[in-house]
């Protein structure tokens, strides 16, 4: 699982690109599922949870088309990869 947090400029624009161009590119790099959450306390922050192997995610980040897609998403800064504080069975 990969979790990222990002600051965005426009929710509608971000959602449109995330669910179309972004989804296609993620599938190309082995992502099995993605969930997007908008922060209820900050309209410019979004959380993404991906069912993705680390190696495939790193390949996605290295893809030369990603910077252009990031610009289309309207990111204020690069996404931050969130590291789990713990991993429990239940």
Protein backbone atom coordinates (compact mmCIF):
# COMPACT_ATOMS: atom_id res chain seq x y z
CA UNK A 1 0.00 0.00 0.00
CA UNK A 2 1.22 3.48 -0.89
CA UNK A 3 -0.28 6.57 0.79
CA UNK A 4 0.40 10.11 -0.41
CA UNK A 5 -0.72 13.56 0.66
CA UNK A 6 -0.76 16.46 -1.78
CA UNK A 7 -1.73 20.12 -1.85
CA UNK A 8 -3.88 21.01 -4.85
CA UNK A 9 -5.23 24.18 -6.45
CA UNK A 10 -8.67 22.96 -7.58
CA UNK A 11 -10.58 19.85 -6.41
CA UNK A 12 -12.64 19.42 -9.60
CA UNK A 13 -9.59 19.69 -11.85
CA UNK A 14 -7.58 17.32 -9.67
CA UNK A 15 -10.41 14.75 -9.58
CA UNK A 16 -10.88 14.90 -13.37
CA UNK A 17 -7.20 14.21 -14.12
CA UNK A 18 -6.79 11.71 -11.24
CA UNK A 19 -9.70 9.58 -12.51
CA UNK A 20 -8.80 9.66 -16.21
CA UNK A 21 -5.23 10.33 -17.34
CA UNK A 22 -3.81 9.52 -13.91
CA UNK A 23 -5.74 6.25 -13.63
CA UNK A 24 -4.56 5.13 -17.05
CA UNK A 25 -0.93 5.88 -16.20
CA UNK A 26 -1.20 4.17 -12.79
CA UNK A 27 -2.66 1.01 -14.39
CA UNK A 28 0.21 1.05 -16.90
CA UNK A 29 2.58 0.84 -13.92
CA UNK A 30 0.79 -1.97 -12.06
CA UNK A 31 -1.46 -0.06 -9.65
CA UNK A 32 -4.40 -2.29 -8.74
CA UNK A 33 -6.63 0.23 -6.94
CA UNK A 34 -6.66 3.87 -5.88
CA UNK A 35 -8.78 5.76 -3.38
CA UNK A 36 -8.86 9.54 -3.10
CA UNK A 37 -9.91 11.47 -0.01
CA UNK A 38 -10.33 15.22 0.25
CA UNK A 39 -9.34 16.56 3.66
CA UNK A 40 -12.50 17.85 5.41
CA UNK A 41 -10.50 20.55 7.20
CA UNK A 42 -8.41 21.79 4.27
CA UNK A 43 -9.98 22.20 0.79
CA UNK A 44 -6.50 22.20 -0.78
CA UNK A 45 -5.28 18.87 0.63
CA UNK A 46 -5.98 15.41 -0.78
CA UNK A 47 -4.98 11.96 0.47
CA UNK A 48 -4.46 9.07 -1.96
CA UNK A 49 -4.28 5.40 -0.99
CA UNK A 50 -2.95 3.03 -3.63
CA UNK A 51 -2.82 -0.76 -3.83
CA UNK A 52 0.60 -0.74 -5.44
CA UNK A 53 3.90 -2.56 -5.05
CA UNK A 54 6.82 -0.30 -4.16
CA UNK A 55 8.86 -1.30 -7.23
CA UNK A 56 5.97 -0.52 -9.58
CA UNK A 57 5.34 2.79 -7.78
CA UNK A 58 8.99 3.76 -8.21
CA UNK A 59 8.70 2.96 -11.93
CA UNK A 60 5.65 5.21 -12.10
CA UNK A 61 7.57 8.07 -10.48
CA UNK A 62 10.43 7.58 -12.96
CA UNK A 63 8.10 7.70 -15.98
CA UNK A 64 9.01 10.79 -18.06
CA UNK A 65 5.32 11.61 -18.62
CA UNK A 66 4.59 12.08 -14.90
CA UNK A 67 5.77 15.71 -14.57
CA UNK A 68 3.33 16.81 -17.31
CA UNK A 69 0.48 14.90 -15.64
CA UNK A 70 1.39 16.48 -12.29
CA UNK A 71 1.11 19.93 -13.88
CA UNK A 72 -2.34 19.03 -15.20
CA UNK A 73 -3.38 17.93 -11.71
CA UNK A 74 -2.67 21.44 -10.43
CA UNK A 75 -0.37 20.39 -7.61
CA UNK A 76 0.97 23.12 -5.33
CA UNK A 77 3.96 20.93 -4.42
CA UNK A 78 5.09 17.36 -5.06
CA UNK A 79 3.11 14.65 -3.23
CA UNK A 80 4.45 13.52 0.13
CA UNK A 81 4.73 9.75 0.62
CA UNK A 82 3.28 8.89 4.03
CA UNK A 83 5.06 6.19 6.01
CA UNK A 84 2.95 3.96 8.27
CA UNK A 85 3.49 4.41 12.00
CA UNK A 86 2.68 0.72 12.54
CA UNK A 87 1.29 -2.31 10.67
CA UNK A 88 -1.15 -4.53 12.57
CA UNK A 89 -3.22 -7.58 11.67
CA UNK A 90 -6.38 -6.10 13.21
